[in-house]
Amino acid sequence: MIIIGVDYHPSDQYIALVDTETGECGERQLNHSDGEAEKFYRELKLRGIRVRVGMEATGYARWFERLLAELGYELWIGDPAQIKTQRVRKQKTDRQDAQLLLKLLVEDRFPRVWVPSPENRDLRQLLWHRHRMVQMRTRIMNQLQAVAMNEGKKWKKRLWSERGRDQLAQFVLAPWATRRRQDLSELLDRLNPTIEELTAAIEQEAKQRPEVLRLMTHPGVGPITALAFVLIIGTPERFHCGKQIGSYVGLIPCEDSSAGRQRLGHISKQGNTLLRFLLVEAAQAAVRGDPDWRRRFLHLAMRRERRIAKVAMARKLAVRLYWMWRKGWDYQQTLEFGSHAGQLVYVHGVK
């Protein structure tokens, strides 16, 4: 078997390899644009050699992962944070990074992480695409609101009614302001059907997954949040307890404690940003619609402030959804048998 440590970059990669049978070692830099890297790995396949490749989790490597899967090679993806702790020298080069990855592979200390399936990744693209489209629509709507307010009309939501859009179009503006209003209105009209189509696709996908439908029984949780939770968490068996879920989605505070003194800071914001955003939004919806969640939220908000309470409730929601999924319970069963959500951890000093 040949074991290869790969320091991957979008344009090229630096590799360090060893043949476990002969002990032969080597190092190379392979370019991607001219096909040098693909040629190298295909030549190993023609020689009938088993290959194991280790690299840090990174972006822009989908084509490389597909190539290795096609060739039947083992691909191990490592946790960059844990790999970084293994560096002992102050110098950092591509060559040293590849050698470190190879060393961890050979010594069986490589911090391998869970990798989602191709289908999972593609569905995540659907969620991200809709999220970006909604962000673009929000920016356009804010600009149109600015156009209306410059004319002395602060209509807020009324601006998006049929009557509001007609009145916006009737404003007499300067030439370039008119062009701006026209272009923004056309972009808004194009985005709305696209977002509706993507939303319908997400709802259809959610209906085909029993675990997603089960999570949707929780107040404030819709198909988008439930599907994102299932896709990004992957499987509940990956985690031993609810606290690990809070840490995985970045909703626990940073900590720098020493000598018996606890110092807590802002939340870590590690993990998937989309899931964290959706959990905060869903928690606020649960607060508006469920009396028990509203009581807990107001209690936290009075002790500290509302934004801290929102984060704390989002963390509680993440843990609740985890236990619902792991136990196979819907929301009513969770209330009957216990949520297993535990107590709220400290967020900015709030329990």
Protein backbone atom coordinates (compact mmCIF):
# COMPACT_ATOMS: atom_id res chain seq x y z
CA MET A 1 0.00 0.00 0.00
CA ILE A 2 1.07 3.58 -0.70
CA ILE A 3 0.09 6.15 1.92
CA ILE A 4 -0.04 9.77 0.73
CA GLY A 5 -0.27 12.95 2.79
CA VAL A 6 -1.73 15.75 0.67
CA ASP A 7 -1.42 19.45 1.39
CA TYR A 8 -4.22 20.57 -0.93
CA HIS A 9 -4.65 23.96 -2.60
CA PRO A 10 -7.10 24.96 -5.36
CA SER A 11 -4.29 25.33 -7.92
CA ASP A 12 -1.94 22.53 -6.85
CA GLN A 13 -1.05 20.06 -4.12
CA TYR A 14 2.14 19.03 -2.37
CA ILE A 15 2.31 15.34 -1.48
CA ALA A 16 4.52 13.21 0.75
CA LEU A 17 4.20 9.45 0.25
CA VAL A 18 5.59 6.17 1.53
CA ASP A 19 5.32 2.61 0.23
CA THR A 20 4.56 0.45 3.28
CA GLU A 21 5.99 -2.68 1.61
CA THR A 22 9.34 -1.35 0.39
CA GLY A 23 9.73 1.65 2.71
CA GLU A 24 10.37 3.91 -0.29
CA CYS A 25 9.49 7.58 0.36
CA GLY A 26 8.95 10.50 -1.96
CA GLU A 27 7.69 14.07 -2.29
CA ARG A 28 6.15 15.87 -5.25
CA GLN A 29 4.27 19.00 -6.20
CA LEU A 30 1.37 18.35 -8.57
CA ASN A 31 -0.44 21.00 -10.58
CA HIS A 32 -4.18 20.77 -11.17
CA SER A 33 -4.69 22.95 -14.25
CA ASP A 34 -2.52 20.90 -16.62
CA GLY A 35 -3.83 17.52 -15.39
CA GLU A 36 -0.57 16.51 -13.71
CA ALA A 37 -2.29 15.50 -10.47
CA GLU A 38 -4.96 13.38 -12.21
CA LYS A 39 -2.31 11.67 -14.35
CA PHE A 40 -0.26 10.78 -11.25
CA TYR A 41 -3.15 9.07 -9.46
CA ARG A 42 -4.34 7.25 -12.58
CA GLU A 43 -0.84 5.84 -13.14
CA LEU A 44 -0.91 4.37 -9.64
CA LYS A 45 -4.22 2.71 -10.51
CA LEU A 46 -2.70 1.15 -13.64
CA ARG A 47 0.05 -0.34 -11.49
CA GLY A 48 -2.60 -2.01 -9.31
CA ILE A 49 -1.39 -0.38 -6.10
CA ARG A 50 -3.64 0.18 -3.07
CA VAL A 51 -3.61 3.83 -2.07
CA ARG A 52 -4.71 5.70 1.04
CA VAL A 53 -4.83 9.50 0.86
CA GLY A 54 -5.09 11.84 3.84
CA MET A 55 -5.86 15.57 3.64
CA GLU A 56 -7.32 18.33 5.76
CA ALA A 57 -10.96 19.29 5.37
CA THR A 58 -10.98 22.10 2.84
CA GLY A 59 -13.04 23.66 0.10
CA TYR A 60 -12.80 23.44 -3.69
CA ALA A 61 -11.74 19.77 -3.57
CA ARG A 62 -14.92 18.10 -4.83
CA TRP A 63 -13.35 17.10 -8.15
CA PHE A 64 -10.41 15.53 -6.32
CA GLU A 65 -12.71 13.53 -4.06
CA ARG A 66 -14.67 12.28 -7.07
CA LEU A 67 -11.42 11.26 -8.79
CA LEU A 68 -10.23 9.19 -5.82
CA ALA A 69 -13.67 7.59 -5.46
CA GLU A 70 -13.61 6.65 -9.15
CA LEU A 71 -10.18 5.05 -8.75
CA GLY A 72 -11.27 3.17 -5.61
CA TYR A 73 -8.73 4.83 -3.30
CA GLU A 74 -9.25 5.40 0.41
CA LEU A 75 -9.68 9.08 1.25
CA TRP A 76 -9.36 10.20 4.85
CA ILE A 77 -10.46 13.75 5.68
CA GLY A 78 -8.85 15.22 8.81
CA ASP A 79 -9.89 17.86 11.32
CA PRO A 80 -7.75 20.97 10.58
CA ALA A 81 -7.93 22.18 14.19
CA GLN A 82 -6.60 18.91 15.61
CA ILE A 83 -3.94 18.63 12.91
CA LYS A 84 -2.76 22.14 13.72
CA THR A 85 -2.10 21.14 17.33
CA GLN A 86 0.37 18.51 16.10
CA ARG A 87 2.69 21.13 14.58
CA VAL A 88 5.69 21.78 16.84
CA ARG A 89 7.84 24.01 14.62
CA LYS A 90 7.31 27.71 14.05
CA GLN A 91 7.97 27.31 10.32
CA LYS A 92 5.02 26.28 8.16
CA THR A 93 5.45 25.26 4.52
CA ASP A 94 3.51 23.06 2.11
CA ARG A 95 6.26 20.46 2.34
CA GLN A 96 6.14 20.33 6.13
CA ASP A 97 2.32 20.17 6.11
CA ALA A 98 2.36 17.18 3.74
CA GLN A 99 5.01 15.45 5.86
CA LEU A 100 2.93 16.01 9.00
CA LEU A 101 -0.17 14.51 7.38
CA LEU A 102 1.85 11.51 6.24
CA LYS A 103 3.30 11.04 9.72
CA LEU A 104 -0.15 11.07 11.31
CA LEU A 105 -1.39 8.53 8.77
CA VAL A 106 1.53 6.16 9.27
CA GLU A 107 1.39 6.39 13.07
CA ASP A 108 -2.40 5.86 13.06
CA ARG A 109 -2.99 9.23 14.75
CA PHE A 110 -4.83 10.90 11.88
CA PRO A 111 -7.88 12.83 13.25
CA ARG A 112 -10.40 11.50 10.76
CA VAL A 113 -13.78 13.24 10.56
CA TRP A 114 -17.20 12.14 9.34
CA VAL A 115 -17.82 12.91 5.66
CA PRO A 116 -21.37 13.26 4.28
CA SER A 117 -22.51 11.28 1.27
CA PRO A 118 -22.69 12.86 -2.23
CA GLU A 119 -26.51 12.94 -1.99
CA ASN A 120 -26.29 14.71 1.37
CA ARG A 121 -23.91 17.31 -0.05
CA ASP A 122 -26.12 17.96 -3.05
CA LEU A 123 -29.17 18.56 -0.85
CA ARG A 124 -27.11 20.96 1.23
CA GLN A 125 -26.52 22.91 -1.97
CA LEU A 126 -30.29 23.24 -2.31
CA LEU A 127 -30.53 24.73 1.19
CA TRP A 128 -27.60 27.06 0.66
CA HIS A 129 -28.90 28.19 -2.73
CA ARG A 130 -32.28 29.13 -1.31
CA HIS A 131 -30.62 30.87 1.64
CA ARG A 132 -28.45 32.99 -0.66
CA MET A 133 -31.42 33.83 -2.88
CA VAL A 134 -33.38 35.00 0.17
CA GLN A 135 -30.44 37.15 1.25
CA MET A 136 -30.28 38.73 -2.20
CA ARG A 137 -34.02 39.41 -2.12
CA THR A 138 -33.72 41.02 1.30
CA ARG A 139 -31.00 43.38 0.05
CA ILE A 140 -33.11 44.35 -2.95
CA MET A 141 -36.18 44.94 -0.80
CA ASN A 142 -34.16 47.12 1.57
CA GLN A 143 -33.00 49.25 -1.36
CA LEU A 144 -36.55 49.68 -2.61
CA GLN A 145 -37.61 50.67 0.90
CA ALA A 146 -34.89 53.34 0.79
CA VAL A 147 -36.29 54.65 -2.50
CA ALA A 148 -39.75 54.94 -0.93
CA MET A 149 -38.45 56.61 2.25
CA ASN A 150 -36.56 59.18 0.17
CA GLU A 151 -39.97 60.15 -1.18
CA GLY A 152 -41.39 60.49 2.34
CA LYS A 153 -43.21 57.13 2.35
CA LYS A 154 -42.36 54.72 5.18
CA TRP A 155 -44.75 51.89 4.38
CA LYS A 156 -42.71 48.93 5.67
CA LYS A 157 -44.60 45.71 4.80
CA ARG A 158 -47.34 47.62 2.99
CA LEU A 159 -44.83 48.44 0.26
CA TRP A 160 -44.94 44.79 -0.94
CA SER A 161 -48.69 44.69 -1.45
CA GLU A 162 -50.04 45.15 -4.96
CA ARG A 163 -51.15 48.66 -4.14
CA GLY A 164 -47.79 49.52 -2.58
CA ARG A 165 -45.86 48.30 -5.63
CA ASP A 166 -48.12 50.38 -7.90
CA GLN A 167 -47.57 53.51 -5.83
CA LEU A 168 -43.81 52.89 -5.82
CA ALA A 169 -43.83 52.70 -9.61
CA GLN A 170 -45.73 56.03 -9.86
CA PHE A 171 -43.09 58.10 -8.04
CA VAL A 172 -41.57 60.79 -10.28
CA LEU A 173 -37.82 60.34 -9.90
CA ALA A 174 -34.65 61.61 -11.51
CA PRO A 175 -33.41 59.57 -14.52
CA TRP A 176 -30.85 57.39 -12.74
CA ALA A 177 -33.07 56.94 -9.69
CA THR A 178 -35.80 55.76 -12.05
CA ARG A 179 -33.39 53.30 -13.63
CA ARG A 180 -32.42 52.02 -10.19
CA ARG A 181 -36.06 51.51 -9.17
CA GLN A 182 -36.83 49.71 -12.42
CA ASP A 183 -33.85 47.35 -12.22
CA LEU A 184 -34.45 46.51 -8.56
CA SER A 185 -38.15 45.84 -9.20
CA GLU A 186 -37.32 43.52 -12.09
CA LEU A 187 -34.77 41.63 -10.01
CA LEU A 188 -37.31 41.24 -7.20
CA ASP A 189 -39.91 39.89 -9.62
CA ARG A 190 -37.39 37.34 -10.90
CA LEU A 191 -36.25 36.19 -7.47
CA ASN A 192 -39.69 35.57 -5.98
CA PRO A 193 -40.62 32.65 -8.32
CA THR A 194 -37.15 31.15 -7.93
CA ILE A 195 -37.37 31.19 -4.14
CA GLU A 196 -40.87 29.71 -4.24
CA GLU A 197 -39.62 26.90 -6.49
CA LEU A 198 -36.67 26.14 -4.20
CA THR A 199 -38.94 26.22 -1.14
CA ALA A 200 -41.30 23.74 -2.77
CA ALA A 201 -38.38 21.43 -3.56
CA ILE A 202 -37.26 21.53 0.09
CA GLU A 203 -40.79 20.79 1.31
CA GLN A 204 -41.06 17.86 -1.09
CA GLU A 205 -37.74 16.46 0.13
CA ALA A 206 -38.83 16.87 3.75
CA LYS A 207 -42.00 14.84 3.15
CA GLN A 208 -39.89 11.87 2.04
CA ARG A 209 -37.94 11.69 5.30
CA PRO A 210 -39.77 10.44 8.44
CA GLU A 211 -37.14 11.91 10.78
CA VAL A 212 -37.65 15.36 9.25
CA LEU A 213 -41.43 15.13 9.63
CA ARG A 214 -40.94 14.12 13.26
CA LEU A 215 -38.77 17.16 13.99
CA MET A 216 -41.34 19.41 12.30
CA THR A 217 -43.82 18.60 15.09
CA HIS A 218 -41.78 20.89 17.36
CA PRO A 219 -43.12 24.47 17.60
CA GLY A 220 -41.22 26.88 15.38
CA VAL A 221 -39.53 24.17 13.31
CA GLY A 222 -40.45 24.06 9.63
CA PRO A 223 -39.25 21.90 6.75
CA ILE A 224 -36.17 24.04 6.05
CA THR A 225 -34.83 23.94 9.62
CA ALA A 226 -35.70 20.27 10.12
CA LEU A 227 -34.12 19.17 6.83
CA ALA A 228 -31.00 21.24 7.47
CA PHE A 229 -30.65 19.73 10.95
CA VAL A 230 -30.89 16.17 9.62
CA LEU A 231 -28.49 16.76 6.71
CA ILE A 232 -25.83 18.61 8.70
CA ILE A 233 -25.91 16.42 11.81
CA GLY A 234 -25.93 13.33 9.59
CA THR A 235 -26.84 10.74 12.21
CA PRO A 236 -27.59 11.15 15.94
CA GLU A 237 -25.26 8.25 16.77
CA ARG A 238 -22.30 10.53 15.97
CA PHE A 239 -22.87 12.29 19.30
CA HIS A 240 -23.05 10.82 22.78
CA CYS A 241 -25.00 13.64 24.45
CA GLY A 242 -26.80 16.88 23.82
CA LYS A 243 -23.87 18.99 24.99
CA GLN A 244 -21.86 17.81 22.00
CA ILE A 245 -24.61 19.07 19.71
CA GLY A 246 -24.40 22.55 21.23
CA SER A 247 -20.65 22.53 20.71
CA TYR A 248 -20.90 21.18 17.16
CA VAL A 249 -23.17 23.99 15.98
CA GLY A 250 -21.15 26.67 17.78
CA LEU A 251 -23.79 27.74 20.31
CA ILE A 252 -21.69 27.32 23.45
CA PRO A 253 -19.46 30.07 24.87
CA CYS A 254 -15.73 30.23 24.44
CA GLU A 255 -13.92 29.49 27.68
CA ASP A 256 -10.55 30.55 29.07
CA SER A 257 -10.62 29.30 32.66
CA SER A 258 -7.63 28.79 34.93
CA ALA A 259 -6.75 28.49 38.63
CA GLY A 260 -10.34 27.86 39.66
CA ARG A 261 -11.61 30.97 37.90
CA GLN A 262 -14.10 30.53 35.08
CA ARG A 263 -13.96 32.97 32.18
CA LEU A 264 -16.68 32.69 29.54
CA GLY A 265 -16.84 34.77 26.38
CA HIS A 266 -18.90 34.97 23.23
CA ILE A 267 -20.25 31.85 21.58
CA SER A 268 -17.67 29.92 19.57
CA LYS A 269 -19.56 30.17 16.23
CA GLN A 270 -17.88 26.96 15.09
CA GLY A 271 -19.66 24.57 12.80
CA ASN A 272 -22.20 25.19 10.07
CA THR A 273 -23.29 28.84 9.89
CA LEU A 274 -26.51 28.07 8.04
CA LEU A 275 -27.74 25.61 10.67
CA ARG A 276 -26.87 28.04 13.46
CA PHE A 277 -28.82 30.81 11.72
CA LEU A 278 -31.84 28.58 11.17
CA LEU A 279 -31.84 27.39 14.79
CA VAL A 280 -31.89 30.97 16.07
CA GLU A 281 -34.76 31.83 13.71
CA ALA A 282 -36.69 28.71 14.67
CA ALA A 283 -36.17 29.35 18.38
CA GLN A 284 -37.66 32.83 18.02
CA ALA A 285 -40.64 31.35 16.18
CA ALA A 286 -41.08 28.82 19.01
CA VAL A 287 -40.99 31.64 21.56
CA ARG A 288 -43.76 33.45 19.70
CA GLY A 289 -45.96 30.37 19.36
CA ASP A 290 -45.41 28.29 22.51
CA PRO A 291 -46.24 29.62 26.03
CA ASP A 292 -43.61 27.48 27.78
CA TRP A 293 -40.83 28.61 25.44
CA ARG A 294 -41.94 32.22 25.81
CA ARG A 295 -41.84 31.94 29.61
CA ARG A 296 -38.28 30.57 29.51
CA PHE A 297 -37.20 33.22 27.04
CA LEU A 298 -38.63 36.12 29.07
CA HIS A 299 -36.98 34.75 32.22
CA LEU A 300 -33.57 34.79 30.50
CA ALA A 301 -34.19 38.15 28.83
CA MET A 302 -34.99 39.80 32.19
CA ARG A 303 -31.83 38.43 33.76
CA ARG A 304 -29.53 39.56 30.97
CA GLU A 305 -30.70 40.78 27.55
CA ARG A 306 -32.75 39.58 24.62
CA ARG A 307 -29.96 38.70 22.20
CA ILE A 308 -28.29 36.44 24.77
CA ALA A 309 -31.63 34.81 25.51
CA LYS A 310 -32.15 34.14 21.79
CA VAL A 311 -28.85 32.25 21.57
CA ALA A 312 -29.61 30.28 24.72
CA MET A 313 -33.01 29.23 23.36
CA ALA A 314 -31.43 28.25 20.03
CA ARG A 315 -29.02 25.99 21.87
CA LYS A 316 -31.89 24.45 23.83
CA LEU A 317 -33.79 23.85 20.59
CA ALA A 318 -30.78 22.10 19.02
CA VAL A 319 -30.50 19.73 21.98
CA ARG A 320 -34.27 19.10 21.99
CA LEU A 321 -34.25 18.22 18.28
CA TYR A 322 -31.30 15.90 18.81
CA TRP A 323 -33.10 13.88 21.47
CA MET A 324 -36.33 13.80 19.46
CA TRP A 325 -34.40 12.34 16.54
CA ARG A 326 -32.37 9.91 18.62
CA LYS A 327 -35.35 8.60 20.60
CA GLY A 328 -37.73 8.59 17.65
CA TRP A 329 -40.20 10.82 19.48
CA ASP A 330 -42.44 13.58 18.23
CA TYR A 331 -43.01 16.76 20.23
CA GLN A 332 -45.91 15.43 22.30
CA GLN A 333 -43.96 12.33 23.30
CA THR A 334 -41.06 14.57 24.29
CA LEU A 335 -43.33 16.52 26.63
CA GLU A 336 -44.72 13.30 28.09
CA PHE A 337 -41.49 11.37 28.65
CA GLY A 338 -38.98 14.22 29.04
CA SER A 339 -36.95 16.21 26.54
CA HIS A 340 -33.48 15.13 27.74
CA ALA A 341 -32.49 18.64 26.78
CA GLY A 342 -30.91 19.30 30.13
CA GLN A 343 -30.29 22.73 31.55
CA LEU A 344 -29.22 25.71 29.55
CA VAL A 345 -25.45 26.16 29.53
CA TYR A 346 -23.90 29.51 30.29
CA VAL A 347 -23.98 31.93 27.39
CA HIS A 348 -22.34 35.25 28.29
CA GLY A 349 -22.78 34.31 31.93
CA VAL A 350 -26.45 33.28 31.59
CA LYS A 351 -27.51 29.75 32.55
